[in-house]
Amino acid sequence: MSFQFSDGEAFTTSAASYMYRPATPYETTPRVMLDVAIEGIHTEAIIHTY
């Protein structure tokens, strides 16, 4: 999956594995979820897919 800005310019330029599921057990809307490392700190990024 490749993300783009609204003008079509690429937001990402590589590929990674991801999950497509609700962010919490209390939500029903699936979101793109992926593991990221920012300055050596590992966390999960949630991309809203409205």
PDB file of N, CA and C in Angstrom:
ATOM      1  N   MET A   1       0.844  -1.168   0.000  1.00  0.00           N
ATOM      2  CA  MET A   1       0.000   0.000   0.000  1.00  0.00           C
ATOM      3  C   MET A   1       0.890   1.231   0.000  1.00  0.00           C
ATOM      4  N   SER A   2       0.597   2.163  -0.844  1.00  0.00           N
ATOM      5  CA  SER A   2       1.347   3.411  -0.922  1.00  0.00           C
ATOM      6  C   SER A   2       0.401   4.569  -0.605  1.00  0.00           C
ATOM      7  N   PHE A   3       0.834   5.453   0.273  1.00  0.00           N
ATOM      8  CA  PHE A   3       0.008   6.593   0.649  1.00  0.00           C
ATOM      9  C   PHE A   3       0.367   7.810  -0.181  1.00  0.00           C
ATOM     10  N   GLN A   4      -0.647   8.656  -0.413  1.00  0.00           N
ATOM     11  CA  GLN A   4      -0.448   9.862  -1.210  1.00  0.00           C
ATOM     12  C   GLN A   4      -1.137  11.037  -0.534  1.00  0.00           C
ATOM     13  N   PHE A   5      -0.583  12.244  -0.766  1.00  0.00           N
ATOM     14  CA  PHE A   5      -1.258  13.461  -0.349  1.00  0.00           C
ATOM     15  C   PHE A   5      -2.449  13.682  -1.271  1.00  0.00           C
ATOM     16  N   SER A   6      -3.336  14.592  -0.924  1.00  0.00           N
ATOM     17  CA  SER A   6      -4.530  14.840  -1.740  1.00  0.00           C
ATOM     18  C   SER A   6      -4.197  15.306  -3.154  1.00  0.00           C
ATOM     19  N   ASP A   7      -2.997  15.880  -3.360  1.00  0.00           N
ATOM     20  CA  ASP A   7      -2.610  16.317  -4.703  1.00  0.00           C
ATOM     21  C   ASP A   7      -1.947  15.201  -5.517  1.00  0.00           C
ATOM     22  N   GLY A   8      -1.866  13.994  -4.953  1.00  0.00           N
ATOM     23  CA  GLY A   8      -1.292  12.854  -5.658  1.00  0.00           C
ATOM     24  C   GLY A   8       0.182  12.628  -5.395  1.00  0.00           C
ATOM     25  N   GLU A   9       0.855  13.559  -4.723  1.00  0.00           N
ATOM     26  CA  GLU A   9       2.282  13.398  -4.406  1.00  0.00           C
ATOM     27  C   GLU A   9       2.454  12.256  -3.407  1.00  0.00           C
ATOM     28  N   ALA A  10       3.505  11.477  -3.594  1.00  0.00           N
ATOM     29  CA  ALA A  10       3.746  10.325  -2.722  1.00  0.00           C
ATOM     30  C   ALA A  10       4.071  10.764  -1.291  1.00  0.00           C
ATOM     31  N   PHE A  11       3.404  10.137  -0.334  1.00  0.00           N
ATOM     32  CA  PHE A  11       3.665  10.363   1.085  1.00  0.00           C
ATOM     33  C   PHE A  11       4.646   9.318   1.592  1.00  0.00           C
ATOM     34  N   THR A  12       4.596   8.145   0.995  1.00  0.00           N
ATOM     35  CA  THR A  12       5.519   7.058   1.339  1.00  0.00           C
ATOM     36  C   THR A  12       6.213   6.587   0.069  1.00  0.00           C
ATOM     37  N   THR A  13       7.388   6.011   0.244  1.00  0.00           N
ATOM     38  CA  THR A  13       8.135   5.548  -0.928  1.00  0.00           C
ATOM     39  C   THR A  13       8.633   4.118  -0.776  1.00  0.00           C
ATOM     40  N   SER A  14       8.133   3.400   0.221  1.00  0.00           N
ATOM     41  CA  SER A  14       8.566   2.015   0.413  1.00  0.00           C
ATOM     42  C   SER A  14       7.364   1.184   0.844  1.00  0.00           C
ATOM     43  N   ALA A  15       7.610  -0.055   1.187  1.00  0.00           N
ATOM     44  CA  ALA A  15       6.531  -0.952   1.585  1.00  0.00           C
ATOM     45  C   ALA A  15       6.812  -1.521   2.974  1.00  0.00           C
ATOM     46  N   ALA A  16       5.749  -1.856   3.694  1.00  0.00           N
ATOM     47  CA  ALA A  16       5.877  -2.451   5.023  1.00  0.00           C
ATOM     48  C   ALA A  16       4.642  -3.292   5.291  1.00  0.00           C
ATOM     49  N   SER A  17       4.779  -4.261   6.171  1.00  0.00           N
ATOM     50  CA  SER A  17       3.607  -5.043   6.553  1.00  0.00           C
ATOM     51  C   SER A  17       2.745  -4.195   7.483  1.00  0.00           C
ATOM     52  N   TYR A  18       1.459  -4.451   7.468  1.00  0.00           N
ATOM     53  CA  TYR A  18       0.535  -3.677   8.286  1.00  0.00           C
ATOM     54  C   TYR A  18      -0.675  -4.533   8.626  1.00  0.00           C
ATOM     55  N   MET A  19      -1.484  -4.055   9.565  1.00  0.00           N
ATOM     56  CA  MET A  19      -2.745  -4.693   9.921  1.00  0.00           C
ATOM     57  C   MET A  19      -3.862  -3.723   9.564  1.00  0.00           C
ATOM     58  N   TYR A  20      -5.013  -4.250   9.220  1.00  0.00           N
ATOM     59  CA  TYR A  20      -6.184  -3.433   8.917  1.00  0.00           C
ATOM     60  C   TYR A  20      -7.282  -3.892   9.865  1.00  0.00           C
ATOM     61  N   ARG A  21      -7.437  -3.163  10.977  1.00  0.00           N
ATOM     62  CA  ARG A  21      -8.372  -3.568  12.021  1.00  0.00           C
ATOM     63  C   ARG A  21      -8.767  -2.346  12.842  1.00  0.00           C
ATOM     64  N   PRO A  22      -9.817  -2.466  13.669  1.00  0.00           N
ATOM     65  CA  PRO A  22     -10.151  -1.366  14.572  1.00  0.00           C
ATOM     66  C   PRO A  22      -8.988  -1.096  15.532  1.00  0.00           C
ATOM     67  N   ALA A  23      -8.815   0.150  15.928  1.00  0.00           N
ATOM     68  CA  ALA A  23      -7.699   0.533  16.794  1.00  0.00           C
ATOM     69  C   ALA A  23      -7.868   0.034  18.218  1.00  0.00           C
ATOM     70  N   THR A  24      -9.105  -0.076  18.685  1.00  0.00           N
ATOM     71  CA  THR A  24      -9.369  -0.558  20.046  1.00  0.00           C
ATOM     72  C   THR A  24     -10.509  -1.569  19.999  1.00  0.00           C
ATOM     73  N   PRO A  25     -10.687  -2.329  21.066  1.00  0.00           N
ATOM     74  CA  PRO A  25     -11.809  -3.284  21.093  1.00  0.00           C
ATOM     75  C   PRO A  25     -13.181  -2.614  21.055  1.00  0.00           C
ATOM     76  N   TYR A  26     -13.239  -1.311  21.339  1.00  0.00           N
ATOM     77  CA  TYR A  26     -14.504  -0.597  21.404  1.00  0.00           C
ATOM     78  C   TYR A  26     -14.877   0.085  20.089  1.00  0.00           C
ATOM     79  N   GLU A  27     -14.033  -0.004  19.084  1.00  0.00           N
ATOM     80  CA  GLU A  27     -14.298   0.617  17.790  1.00  0.00           C
ATOM     81  C   GLU A  27     -14.683  -0.433  16.766  1.00  0.00           C
ATOM     82  N   THR A  28     -15.370   0.011  15.720  1.00  0.00           N
ATOM     83  CA  THR A  28     -15.728  -0.900  14.623  1.00  0.00           C
ATOM     84  C   THR A  28     -15.093  -0.491  13.306  1.00  0.00           C
ATOM     85  N   THR A  29     -14.617   0.746  13.194  1.00  0.00           N
ATOM     86  CA  THR A  29     -14.023   1.235  11.963  1.00  0.00           C
ATOM     87  C   THR A  29     -12.588   0.714  11.844  1.00  0.00           C
ATOM     88  N   PRO A  30     -12.276  -0.039  10.789  1.00  0.00           N
ATOM     89  CA  PRO A  30     -10.896  -0.512  10.642  1.00  0.00           C
ATOM     90  C   PRO A  30      -9.956   0.629  10.249  1.00  0.00           C
ATOM     91  N   ARG A  31      -8.723   0.520  10.691  1.00  0.00           N
ATOM     92  CA  ARG A  31      -7.691   1.512  10.382  1.00  0.00           C
ATOM     93  C   ARG A  31      -6.419   0.770   9.984  1.00  0.00           C
ATOM     94  N   VAL A  32      -5.563   1.443   9.267  1.00  0.00           N
ATOM     95  CA  VAL A  32      -4.260   0.875   8.925  1.00  0.00           C
ATOM     96  C   VAL A  32      -3.365   1.039  10.155  1.00  0.00           C
ATOM     97  N   MET A  33      -2.810  -0.059  10.642  1.00  0.00           N
ATOM     98  CA  MET A  33      -1.967  -0.052  11.829  1.00  0.00           C
ATOM     99  C   MET A  33      -0.624  -0.675  11.467  1.00  0.00           C
ATOM    100  N   LEU A  34       0.465  -0.015  11.833  1.00  0.00           N
ATOM    101  CA  LEU A  34       1.776  -0.577  11.543  1.00  0.00           C
ATOM    102  C   LEU A  34       2.767  -0.236  12.643  1.00  0.00           C
ATOM    103  N   ASP A  35       3.745  -1.107  12.807  1.00  0.00           N
ATOM    104  CA  ASP A  35       4.805  -0.888  13.778  1.00  0.00           C
ATOM    105  C   ASP A  35       5.830   0.064  13.181  1.00  0.00           C
ATOM    106  N   VAL A  36       6.269   1.037  13.990  1.00  0.00           N
ATOM    107  CA  VAL A  36       7.272   1.998  13.546  1.00  0.00           C
ATOM    108  C   VAL A  36       8.321   2.174  14.637  1.00  0.00           C
ATOM    109  N   ALA A  37       9.478   2.664  14.253  1.00  0.00           N
ATOM    110  CA  ALA A  37      10.528   3.026  15.197  1.00  0.00           C
ATOM    111  C   ALA A  37      10.923   4.467  14.916  1.00  0.00           C
ATOM    112  N   ILE A  38      10.816   5.310  15.926  1.00  0.00           N
ATOM    113  CA  ILE A  38      11.176   6.719  15.798  1.00  0.00           C
ATOM    114  C   ILE A  38      12.295   6.990  16.780  1.00  0.00           C
ATOM    115  N   GLU A  39      13.470   7.288  16.243  1.00  0.00           N
ATOM    116  CA  GLU A  39      14.663   7.502  17.051  1.00  0.00           C
ATOM    117  C   GLU A  39      14.871   6.369  18.051  1.00  0.00           C
ATOM    118  N   GLY A  40      14.679   5.145  17.574  1.00  0.00           N
ATOM    119  CA  GLY A  40      14.933   3.963  18.376  1.00  0.00           C
ATOM    120  C   GLY A  40      13.801   3.555  19.310  1.00  0.00           C
ATOM    121  N   ILE A  41      12.718   4.305  19.343  1.00  0.00           N
ATOM    122  CA  ILE A  41      11.578   3.966  20.184  1.00  0.00           C
ATOM    123  C   ILE A  41      10.523   3.289  19.308  1.00  0.00           C
ATOM    124  N   HIS A  42      10.179   2.055  19.655  1.00  0.00           N
ATOM    125  CA  HIS A  42       9.215   1.287  18.874  1.00  0.00           C
ATOM    126  C   HIS A  42       7.803   1.537  19.396  1.00  0.00           C
ATOM    127  N   THR A  43       6.894   1.781  18.463  1.00  0.00           N
ATOM    128  CA  THR A  43       5.498   2.015  18.818  1.00  0.00           C
ATOM    129  C   THR A  43       4.615   1.596  17.645  1.00  0.00           C
ATOM    130  N   GLU A  44       3.327   1.780  17.787  1.00  0.00           N
ATOM    131  CA  GLU A  44       2.390   1.432  16.725  1.00  0.00           C
ATOM    132  C   GLU A  44       1.765   2.706  16.184  1.00  0.00           C
ATOM    133  N   ALA A  45       1.775   2.866  14.874  1.00  0.00           N
ATOM    134  CA  ALA A  45       1.158   4.014  14.230  1.00  0.00           C
ATOM    135  C   ALA A  45      -0.231   3.616  13.747  1.00  0.00           C
ATOM    136  N   ILE A  46      -1.161   4.529  13.897  1.00  0.00           N
ATOM    137  CA  ILE A  46      -2.541   4.303  13.451  1.00  0.00           C
ATOM    138  C   ILE A  46      -2.872   5.352  12.396  1.00  0.00           C
ATOM    139  N   ILE A  47      -3.254   4.899  11.222  1.00  0.00           N
ATOM    140  CA  ILE A  47      -3.580   5.812  10.132  1.00  0.00           C
ATOM    141  C   ILE A  47      -5.087   5.767   9.938  1.00  0.00           C
ATOM    142  N   HIS A  48      -5.724   6.905  10.141  1.00  0.00           N
ATOM    143  CA  HIS A  48      -7.183   6.977   9.992  1.00  0.00           C
ATOM    144  C   HIS A  48      -7.523   6.874   8.511  1.00  0.00           C
ATOM    145  N   THR A  49      -8.521   6.065   8.204  1.00  0.00           N
ATOM    146  CA  THR A  49      -8.879   5.780   6.811  1.00  0.00           C
ATOM    147  C   THR A  49     -10.291   6.240   6.501  1.00  0.00           C
ATOM    148  N   TYR A  50     -10.623   7.451   6.875  1.00  0.00           N
ATOM    149  CA  TYR A  50     -11.974   7.966   6.647  1.00  0.00           C
ATOM    150  C   TYR A  50     -12.206   8.192   5.178  1.00  0.00           C
TER     151      TYR A  50
END
